[in-house]
Protein backbone atom coordinates (compact mmCIF):
# COMPACT_ATOMS: atom_id res chain seq x y z
CA MET A 1 -14.70 32.76 -11.55
CA ALA A 2 -12.67 31.72 -8.51
CA GLU A 3 -9.18 33.10 -7.98
CA LEU A 4 -5.98 31.62 -6.60
CA ARG A 5 -4.12 34.16 -4.47
CA LYS A 6 -0.63 33.67 -3.04
CA ASP A 7 0.32 34.78 0.45
CA PRO A 8 3.51 36.82 -0.15
CA VAL A 9 4.96 35.98 3.29
CA ILE A 10 4.75 32.19 3.56
CA GLY A 11 3.95 31.24 -0.04
CA ARG A 12 0.60 29.62 0.73
CA TRP A 13 -2.04 29.69 -2.01
CA VAL A 14 -5.66 30.47 -1.10
CA ILE A 15 -8.69 29.74 -3.27
CA VAL A 16 -11.21 32.56 -3.22
CA SER A 17 -14.39 30.87 -4.48
CA THR A 18 -17.91 32.25 -4.21
CA GLU A 19 -19.31 29.03 -5.74
CA ARG A 20 -18.52 27.07 -2.58
CA GLY A 21 -20.77 29.40 -0.61
CA LYS A 22 -23.76 27.99 -2.49
CA ARG A 23 -23.42 24.50 -1.02
CA PRO A 24 -26.28 23.10 1.10
CA ARG A 25 -24.91 24.59 4.32
CA ASN A 26 -24.95 28.00 5.93
CA PHE A 27 -23.00 29.98 8.49
CA THR A 28 -24.36 29.66 12.01
CA PHE A 29 -23.04 30.09 15.52
CA ASP A 30 -25.68 27.88 17.13
CA ARG A 31 -24.78 24.26 16.49
CA SER A 32 -28.33 23.17 17.25
CA GLU A 33 -29.39 25.06 14.12
CA GLU A 34 -26.73 23.62 11.84
CA VAL A 35 -28.02 22.56 8.44
CA SER A 36 -28.43 18.78 8.40
CA THR A 37 -26.51 16.60 5.99
CA SER A 38 -29.33 14.07 6.04
CA ARG A 39 -31.41 13.56 2.91
CA SER A 40 -34.01 10.99 1.98
CA VAL A 41 -33.41 8.64 -0.92
CA LYS A 42 -35.89 10.70 -2.93
CA THR A 43 -33.92 13.94 -2.58
CA CYS A 44 -30.34 12.68 -2.26
CA PRO A 45 -28.47 13.56 -5.49
CA PHE A 46 -26.04 10.67 -4.97
CA CYS A 47 -28.67 7.91 -4.82
CA GLU A 48 -29.35 5.64 -7.79
CA GLY A 49 -32.29 6.98 -9.75
CA ASN A 50 -31.43 10.62 -9.04
CA GLU A 51 -28.73 10.98 -11.68
CA ASN A 52 -30.50 14.07 -13.06
CA LEU A 53 -29.65 15.90 -9.82
CA THR A 54 -25.90 15.90 -10.53
CA PRO A 55 -23.80 17.21 -13.41
CA PRO A 56 -23.16 14.59 -16.14
CA GLU A 57 -20.80 11.82 -15.05
CA VAL A 58 -17.16 11.71 -16.15
CA LEU A 59 -16.68 8.06 -15.18
CA SER A 60 -18.83 5.21 -13.90
CA TYR A 61 -18.57 1.52 -13.17
CA ARG A 62 -21.92 0.17 -14.30
CA LYS A 63 -23.79 -2.87 -15.51
CA ASN A 64 -23.40 -3.87 -19.14
CA GLY A 65 -25.99 -2.18 -21.31
CA SER A 66 -26.80 0.63 -18.90
CA LYS A 67 -26.36 4.12 -20.31
CA PRO A 68 -24.40 7.03 -18.78
CA ASN A 69 -26.34 9.17 -16.30
CA THR A 70 -28.96 6.47 -15.73
CA PRO A 71 -29.39 3.78 -13.04
CA GLY A 72 -27.24 0.65 -13.24
CA TRP A 73 -23.95 1.95 -11.76
CA TRP A 74 -22.14 0.96 -8.59
CA ILE A 75 -19.48 3.74 -8.56
CA ARG A 76 -20.00 7.09 -10.24
CA VAL A 77 -17.78 10.18 -10.66
CA VAL A 78 -19.35 13.57 -11.36
CA PRO A 79 -18.10 17.16 -11.33
CA ASN A 80 -18.84 18.89 -8.05
CA LYS A 81 -21.98 20.99 -8.43
CA PHE A 82 -20.36 23.70 -6.29
CA PRO A 83 -16.70 23.52 -7.37
CA ALA A 84 -13.79 25.17 -5.60
CA LEU A 85 -12.06 25.39 -9.00
CA ARG A 86 -13.43 25.23 -12.55
CA ILE A 87 -11.98 23.25 -15.42
CA GLU A 88 -12.85 25.72 -18.17
CA GLY A 89 -10.49 28.59 -19.02
CA GLU A 90 -6.85 29.60 -18.85
CA LEU A 91 -4.69 30.19 -15.79
CA ASP A 92 -3.79 33.79 -16.70
CA LYS A 93 -0.99 34.08 -14.13
CA ARG A 94 -0.51 37.71 -13.18
CA GLY A 95 0.79 40.05 -10.53
CA LYS A 96 -0.57 43.11 -8.81
CA GLY A 97 2.20 44.90 -6.97
CA ILE A 98 3.62 42.39 -4.48
CA TYR A 99 0.70 40.00 -4.95
CA ASP A 100 0.58 36.97 -7.28
CA MET A 101 -2.66 35.48 -8.50
CA MET A 102 -4.20 33.37 -11.25
CA ASN A 103 -7.61 32.24 -12.35
CA GLY A 104 -9.24 29.49 -10.30
CA ILE A 105 -8.64 26.77 -12.86
CA GLY A 106 -8.65 23.15 -11.79
CA ALA A 107 -10.99 20.19 -11.44
CA HIS A 108 -13.30 19.33 -8.56
CA GLU A 109 -14.99 15.93 -8.72
CA VAL A 110 -17.09 13.75 -6.44
CA ILE A 111 -16.57 9.99 -6.28
CA ILE A 112 -19.94 8.51 -5.30
CA GLU A 113 -18.85 5.25 -3.70
CA THR A 114 -22.15 3.38 -3.72
CA PRO A 115 -25.67 3.76 -5.16
CA ARG A 116 -27.05 2.85 -1.73
CA HIS A 117 -27.97 5.58 0.74
CA ILE A 118 -25.44 4.70 3.44
CA GLU A 119 -23.10 7.07 5.22
CA ASP A 120 -19.73 5.39 4.80
CA ILE A 121 -18.70 2.23 2.96
CA PHE A 122 -15.30 2.42 4.66
CA CYS A 123 -16.96 1.54 7.97
CA LEU A 124 -18.46 -1.60 6.44
CA GLN A 125 -16.61 -4.81 5.71
CA GLU A 126 -17.02 -4.49 1.95
CA VAL A 127 -13.39 -4.59 0.84
CA LYS A 128 -14.19 -5.32 -2.81
CA ILE A 129 -16.01 -1.99 -3.14
CA ILE A 130 -13.12 -0.14 -1.50
CA GLN A 131 -10.72 -1.76 -4.00
CA GLU A 132 -12.77 -0.42 -6.88
CA VAL A 133 -12.89 3.05 -5.32
CA ILE A 134 -9.08 3.02 -5.16
CA TRP A 135 -8.91 2.06 -8.84
CA VAL A 136 -11.23 4.98 -9.61
CA TYR A 137 -8.88 7.31 -7.73
CA ARG A 138 -5.97 6.11 -9.83
CA GLN A 139 -7.92 6.34 -13.08
CA ARG A 140 -9.03 9.91 -12.43
CA ILE A 141 -5.54 11.04 -11.39
CA MET A 142 -4.02 9.57 -14.55
CA ASP A 143 -6.63 11.24 -16.72
CA LEU A 144 -6.37 14.67 -15.07
CA MET A 145 -2.58 14.64 -15.13
CA LYS A 146 -2.77 14.65 -18.93
CA ASP A 147 -3.90 18.28 -18.64
CA PRO A 148 -0.76 20.46 -18.68
CA ARG A 149 -2.50 23.10 -16.56
CA PHE A 150 -2.63 20.79 -13.54
CA GLU A 151 0.28 20.12 -11.21
CA TYR A 152 -1.38 18.14 -8.43
CA VAL A 153 -4.44 16.02 -7.64
CA LEU A 154 -5.51 15.69 -4.02
CA ILE A 155 -7.83 12.82 -3.09
CA PHE A 156 -9.76 13.34 0.13
CA LYS A 157 -12.81 12.17 2.05
CA ASN A 158 -14.97 14.09 4.53
CA ARG A 159 -17.25 12.05 6.75
CA GLY A 160 -19.72 13.93 8.93
CA LYS A 161 -20.64 17.59 9.29
CA ASP A 162 -17.73 18.32 11.62
CA ALA A 163 -15.37 17.01 8.95
CA GLY A 164 -16.85 19.25 6.26
CA ALA A 165 -19.34 16.90 4.59
CA SER A 166 -22.48 18.57 3.23
CA LEU A 167 -24.17 15.27 2.27
CA ASP A 168 -24.24 12.02 4.24
CA HIS A 169 -24.25 9.61 1.26
CA SER A 170 -20.87 7.81 1.12
CA HIS A 171 -18.52 9.73 -1.17
CA SER A 172 -15.02 11.10 -1.53
CA GLN A 173 -13.63 13.92 -3.64
CA LEU A 174 -10.66 15.10 -5.66
CA ILE A 175 -9.38 18.53 -6.53
CA ALA A 176 -6.79 19.08 -9.26
CA THR A 177 -4.75 22.26 -8.78
CA PRO A 178 -2.29 24.21 -10.94
CA VAL A 179 0.16 24.37 -8.00
CA THR A 180 1.41 21.89 -5.40
CA PRO A 181 -0.30 22.34 -2.00
CA LYS A 182 1.97 23.87 0.64
CA ARG A 183 1.52 20.93 3.04
CA VAL A 184 2.80 18.55 0.40
CA GLU A 185 5.68 20.89 -0.48
CA GLU A 186 6.68 20.97 3.19
CA GLU A 187 6.68 17.17 3.38
CA ILE A 188 8.79 16.87 0.26
CA GLU A 189 11.27 19.52 1.43
CA GLY A 190 11.60 17.88 4.85
CA ALA A 191 12.10 14.45 3.30
CA LYS A 192 14.80 15.82 1.00
CA ARG A 193 16.68 17.42 3.90
CA TYR A 194 16.72 14.07 5.69
CA TYR A 195 17.85 12.26 2.54
CA ASP A 196 20.61 14.79 1.86
CA PHE A 197 21.88 14.41 5.45
CA ARG A 198 21.57 10.63 5.92
CA GLY A 199 21.33 9.23 2.42
CA ARG A 200 18.13 7.37 3.30
CA CYS A 201 14.41 7.86 2.86
CA ILE A 202 12.77 9.16 6.04
CA PHE A 203 9.57 7.24 5.29
CA CYS A 204 11.44 3.95 4.91
CA ASP A 205 13.15 4.66 8.24
CA ILE A 206 9.81 5.45 9.89
CA ILE A 207 8.40 2.12 8.69
CA ALA A 208 11.42 0.23 10.04
CA GLN A 209 11.29 1.91 13.45
CA GLU A 210 7.53 1.62 13.92
CA VAL A 211 7.58 -2.07 12.97
CA GLU A 212 10.51 -2.73 15.31
CA GLU A 213 9.21 -0.77 18.32
CA LYS A 214 5.53 -1.75 17.90
CA LYS A 215 4.54 1.03 20.35
CA ARG A 216 2.35 2.85 17.83
CA LEU A 217 1.99 0.11 15.22
CA LEU A 218 -1.53 -0.86 14.24
CA TRP A 219 -1.40 -3.41 11.42
CA GLU A 220 1.08 -4.55 8.81
CA ASP A 221 1.16 -6.93 5.89
CA LYS A 222 3.40 -7.57 2.90
CA TYR A 223 2.53 -4.27 1.24
CA PHE A 224 1.42 -1.68 3.84
CA VAL A 225 2.01 -0.54 7.41
CA SER A 226 -0.45 1.47 9.51
CA PHE A 227 0.40 3.27 12.73
CA CYS A 228 -0.39 6.28 14.90
CA PRO A 229 2.30 8.87 14.07
CA PHE A 230 4.90 9.64 16.75
CA ALA A 231 3.97 13.35 16.64
CA SER A 232 0.24 12.86 16.07
CA ARG A 233 -1.54 16.20 15.74
CA PHE A 234 -4.95 14.82 16.65
CA PRO A 235 -6.33 12.00 18.85
CA TYR A 236 -6.37 8.67 16.99
CA GLU A 237 -4.64 10.07 13.90
CA ILE A 238 -3.50 7.24 11.59
CA CYS A 239 -0.91 7.04 8.83
CA ILE A 240 -0.77 4.29 6.19
CA LEU A 241 2.51 3.86 4.28
CA PRO A 242 3.43 1.47 1.46
CA ARG A 243 6.40 -0.76 2.25
CA ARG A 244 7.65 -0.50 -1.33
CA HIS A 245 9.46 2.76 -1.96
CA TYR A 246 7.60 4.81 -4.54
CA SER A 247 6.45 8.41 -4.45
CA ASP A 248 3.57 8.42 -6.91
CA PHE A 249 0.22 6.93 -5.91
CA LYS A 250 -0.72 6.17 -9.51
CA ASP A 251 2.13 3.61 -9.66
CA ILE A 252 0.20 1.35 -7.27
CA GLN A 253 -0.04 -2.31 -8.36
CA LYS A 254 -2.94 -4.76 -8.22
CA GLU A 255 -1.75 -6.62 -5.10
CA GLU A 256 -1.17 -3.29 -3.37
CA VAL A 257 -4.67 -2.07 -4.19
CA GLU A 258 -6.09 -5.22 -2.59
CA SER A 259 -3.89 -4.72 0.48
CA LEU A 260 -4.66 -1.01 0.79
CA ALA A 261 -8.41 -1.69 0.64
CA VAL A 262 -8.07 -4.11 3.55
CA MET A 263 -5.89 -1.67 5.50
CA LEU A 264 -8.23 1.29 4.98
CA ASN A 265 -11.21 -0.83 5.98
CA ARG A 266 -9.39 -2.16 9.03
CA CYS A 267 -8.34 1.30 10.26
CA ILE A 268 -11.63 3.12 9.67
CA TYR A 269 -13.81 0.22 10.80
CA SER A 270 -11.90 -0.04 14.07
CA LEU A 271 -11.95 3.73 14.55
CA ASN A 272 -15.72 3.66 14.11
CA GLN A 273 -16.04 0.81 16.61
CA ILE A 274 -14.36 2.68 19.44
CA LEU A 275 -15.86 6.05 18.44
CA PRO A 276 -19.21 5.27 16.74
CA GLY A 277 -20.15 7.79 14.09
CA VAL A 278 -16.84 9.64 14.41
CA PRO A 279 -16.39 12.41 11.82
CA TYR A 280 -13.07 12.15 10.02
CA ASN A 281 -11.07 13.22 7.01
CA TYR A 282 -8.60 11.22 5.06
CA VAL A 283 -6.21 12.49 2.43
CA ILE A 284 -3.82 10.85 0.01
CA HIS A 285 -0.53 12.69 -0.36
CA THR A 286 1.43 11.85 -3.50
CA SER A 287 4.24 13.46 -5.44
CA PRO A 288 3.36 16.29 -7.87
CA ARG A 289 3.66 15.96 -11.63
CA ARG A 290 7.02 17.75 -11.86
CA LEU A 291 8.61 15.57 -9.15
CA SER A 292 7.48 12.07 -10.06
CA GLY A 293 9.79 9.19 -9.09
CA LEU A 294 11.40 10.82 -6.05
CA ASN A 295 13.91 8.65 -4.18
CA TYR A 296 13.23 10.39 -0.88
CA TYR A 297 9.42 10.57 -0.70
CA HIS A 298 6.60 8.07 -0.14
CA TRP A 299 2.99 8.64 -1.03
CA HIS A 300 0.78 7.90 1.97
CA VAL A 301 -2.67 8.14 3.52
CA GLU A 302 -3.50 10.31 6.53
CA ILE A 303 -6.69 9.57 8.52
CA ILE A 304 -7.69 12.43 10.82
CA PRO A 305 -10.59 11.97 13.28
CA ARG A 306 -12.29 15.29 14.02
CA LEU A 307 -12.54 15.04 17.79
CA THR A 308 -11.03 18.42 18.68
CA ARG A 309 -11.37 21.94 17.34
CA ILE A 310 -8.41 24.05 16.31
CA ALA A 311 -8.56 27.18 18.48
CA GLY A 312 -6.61 30.38 19.01
CA PHE A 313 -3.35 28.86 20.27
CA GLU A 314 -3.16 26.37 17.41
CA TRP A 315 -3.97 29.00 14.77
CA GLY A 316 -1.56 31.51 16.24
CA SER A 317 1.38 29.21 16.93
CA GLY A 318 1.15 26.28 14.54
CA PHE A 319 1.36 23.91 17.52
CA TYR A 320 -1.24 21.18 17.97
CA ILE A 321 -2.48 19.92 21.34
CA ASN A 322 -3.26 16.20 21.33
CA TYR A 323 -4.80 14.79 24.49
CA VAL A 324 -4.49 11.09 23.50
CA PRO A 325 -0.87 9.91 23.15
CA PRO A 326 -0.39 7.86 19.96
CA GLU A 327 0.90 4.91 22.03
CA GLU A 328 -2.42 4.85 23.91
CA ALA A 329 -4.46 5.47 20.75
CA SER A 330 -2.91 2.46 19.02
CA VAL A 331 -3.95 0.19 21.90
CA HIS A 332 -7.54 1.42 21.73
CA LEU A 333 -7.70 1.04 17.94
CA LYS A 334 -6.46 -2.55 18.05
CA LYS A 335 -9.10 -3.31 20.67
CA GLY A 336 -11.63 -1.86 18.26
CA GLU A 337 -10.68 -4.51 15.69
CA ASN A 338 -11.13 -7.25 18.30
CA LYS A 339 -14.55 -5.83 19.05
CA THR A 340 -15.55 -6.15 15.38
CA SER A 341 -14.31 -9.71 15.07
CA GLY A 342 -16.02 -10.74 18.28
């Protein structure tokens, strides 16, 4: 079984999981020998007709009359075959001298976004499918949060080998954890400091300033704003924020789902137009179970193109070196949308 181990200096939790080492990849120092993510339709476990190659589904959107774990679906959620955390068992929190640890209990699921063998639906103009994927995210978060062992659910997507994907069939993932991730804790703590000092939400203020200045703004509508963050860590990094103040992603409403699907499609499609085949990650940061309804935090989406590698300086210092200013990146991304419409 995996273990969760806590760094006693900075409070970061690490998952020690031998199961993840069994994924269809290997360690190599020669990139020309990297294991390919490509699979044929016959061998791809995420393609329709290959349902026997995955663990039994926990949720699917499928045609009336079709049975679970058979063809007839258009979105399917299955447990990860090589999970970082396992759902069975107890946490068994314990200490060993100065060290804290617990069993690697959680949930690790794959959201298969299409039965078709395509790399990324988010690069296609199929907004209806993206809407349904968002509803699946919400449905799985609500279900997993009923388990008192879980504190947080992180939704994320890896596209391309350099972004951590081990299969090229369009999919995203979620991991439910018994603790709140340190990155999220840092965001919440920083937002609270700002709120305590100014009496306002930092995310609401960011939206107002980005919309007013328009230097880094990408697109906006009634429900969402997208922009390249002022202190972007990576070239072409994108943030999507809801205009309405709410901290919990699962409180999203129907009109917002429709808007978010358009915004995600717009951002990723344009990114792919200016950088064809770009590997990227996106993550959804939301408030943890114990802090739902915060008046100083916004849930949001971060889209991170994987164009640079974190090296010694970044690891050692915590600084990031970004060679494309966000003001310049926003211009290029908006040109990418014009390219698609032309």
